[in-house]
Amino acid sequence: MIVEGFNNKVAVMATVNFSVPDCVRDEFNRVFKGENKSAIIAGLMQRAVAEVRLRKQREAIFRQVTAERPKRPTASDAEIAAARRQGRP
């Protein structure tokens, strides 16, 4: 149940209202018939928030790595080829 009541803390509940196409609503109701739809929606919302946070974190890391790229040493094609051959029979 929504991560054990948010780890056994009393959760303040809010009511939200979203408009979705009828076909989406009907399919959702069919697939989740007899289940706690509020808990399912809350879980999906939590997952969406986590995915956005992760995407932003990855983007920040990418920007940091990209910014550091000019500081890295470079090698010519010949040096790279030589390094690949080094130690090979």
Protein backbone atom coordinates (compact mmCIF):
# COMPACT_ATOMS: atom_id res chain seq x y z
CA MET A 1 0.00 0.00 0.00
CA ILE A 2 1.70 3.17 -1.23
CA VAL A 3 5.07 2.27 0.24
CA GLU A 4 3.60 1.13 3.54
CA GLY A 5 1.85 4.44 4.18
CA PHE A 6 4.99 6.32 3.26
CA ASN A 7 7.05 4.22 5.64
CA ASN A 8 4.37 4.07 8.35
CA LYS A 9 3.97 7.84 8.62
CA VAL A 10 0.49 9.26 8.42
CA ALA A 11 0.09 10.51 4.87
CA VAL A 12 -1.91 13.63 4.22
CA MET A 13 -4.16 12.82 1.31
CA ALA A 14 -5.03 15.22 -1.49
CA THR A 15 -7.61 14.95 -4.19
CA VAL A 16 -6.45 15.54 -7.75
CA ASN A 17 -8.45 15.81 -10.92
CA PHE A 18 -7.00 14.90 -14.33
CA SER A 19 -8.68 14.80 -17.69
CA VAL A 20 -7.83 11.76 -19.77
CA PRO A 21 -9.35 10.37 -22.94
CA ASP A 22 -12.32 8.10 -22.32
CA CYS A 23 -10.53 5.15 -23.92
CA VAL A 24 -7.62 5.51 -21.46
CA ARG A 25 -9.99 5.72 -18.49
CA ASP A 26 -11.99 2.74 -19.69
CA GLU A 27 -8.88 0.58 -20.26
CA PHE A 28 -7.43 1.60 -16.88
CA ASN A 29 -10.69 0.69 -15.14
CA ARG A 30 -10.84 -2.63 -16.99
CA VAL A 31 -7.23 -3.60 -16.26
CA PHE A 32 -7.33 -2.55 -12.61
CA LYS A 33 -10.86 -3.65 -11.80
CA GLY A 34 -11.22 -4.47 -8.11
CA GLU A 35 -7.90 -2.83 -7.17
CA ASN A 36 -7.18 0.34 -5.24
CA LYS A 37 -6.93 2.72 -8.18
CA SER A 38 -5.91 5.63 -5.97
CA ALA A 39 -2.89 3.66 -4.76
CA ILE A 40 -2.03 2.71 -8.34
CA ILE A 41 -2.21 6.32 -9.53
CA ALA A 42 -0.17 7.50 -6.52
CA GLY A 43 2.48 4.88 -7.30
CA LEU A 44 2.60 5.95 -10.94
CA MET A 45 2.96 9.57 -9.87
CA GLN A 46 5.82 8.65 -7.53
CA ARG A 47 7.51 6.72 -10.33
CA ALA A 48 7.11 9.68 -12.71
CA VAL A 49 8.70 12.04 -10.16
CA ALA A 50 11.59 9.62 -9.61
CA GLU A 51 12.14 9.26 -13.36
CA VAL A 52 12.27 13.03 -13.87
CA ARG A 53 14.72 13.43 -10.98
CA LEU A 54 16.92 10.67 -12.40
CA ARG A 55 16.81 12.20 -15.89
CA LYS A 56 17.82 15.61 -14.51
CA GLN A 57 20.64 14.01 -12.51
CA ARG A 58 21.89 12.20 -15.62
CA GLU A 59 21.72 15.41 -17.66
CA ALA A 60 23.73 17.26 -15.01
CA ILE A 61 26.36 14.52 -14.97
CA PHE A 62 26.51 14.56 -18.78
CA ARG A 63 27.00 18.35 -18.78
CA GLN A 64 29.78 17.99 -16.18
CA VAL A 65 31.57 15.26 -18.14
CA THR A 66 31.19 17.21 -21.37
CA ALA A 67 32.58 20.36 -19.75
CA GLU A 68 35.63 18.40 -18.58
CA ARG A 69 36.26 16.91 -22.04
CA PRO A 70 38.60 19.70 -23.26
CA LYS A 71 40.84 19.13 -20.22
CA ARG A 72 41.43 15.45 -21.03
CA PRO A 73 44.60 14.46 -22.86
CA THR A 74 44.19 13.68 -26.54
CA ALA A 75 45.91 11.09 -28.67
CA SER A 76 46.44 10.88 -32.39
CA ASP A 77 45.02 8.05 -34.48
CA ALA A 78 48.52 6.59 -34.74
CA GLU A 79 48.97 6.66 -30.95
CA ILE A 80 45.61 4.97 -30.44
CA ALA A 81 46.45 2.28 -33.00
CA ALA A 82 49.84 1.69 -31.37
CA ALA A 83 48.23 1.37 -27.94
CA ARG A 84 45.81 -1.21 -29.31
CA ARG A 85 48.65 -3.25 -30.79
CA GLN A 86 50.84 -3.01 -27.70
CA GLY A 87 51.08 -6.30 -25.87
CA ARG A 88 49.29 -8.26 -28.57
CA PRO A 89 51.02 -11.19 -30.26
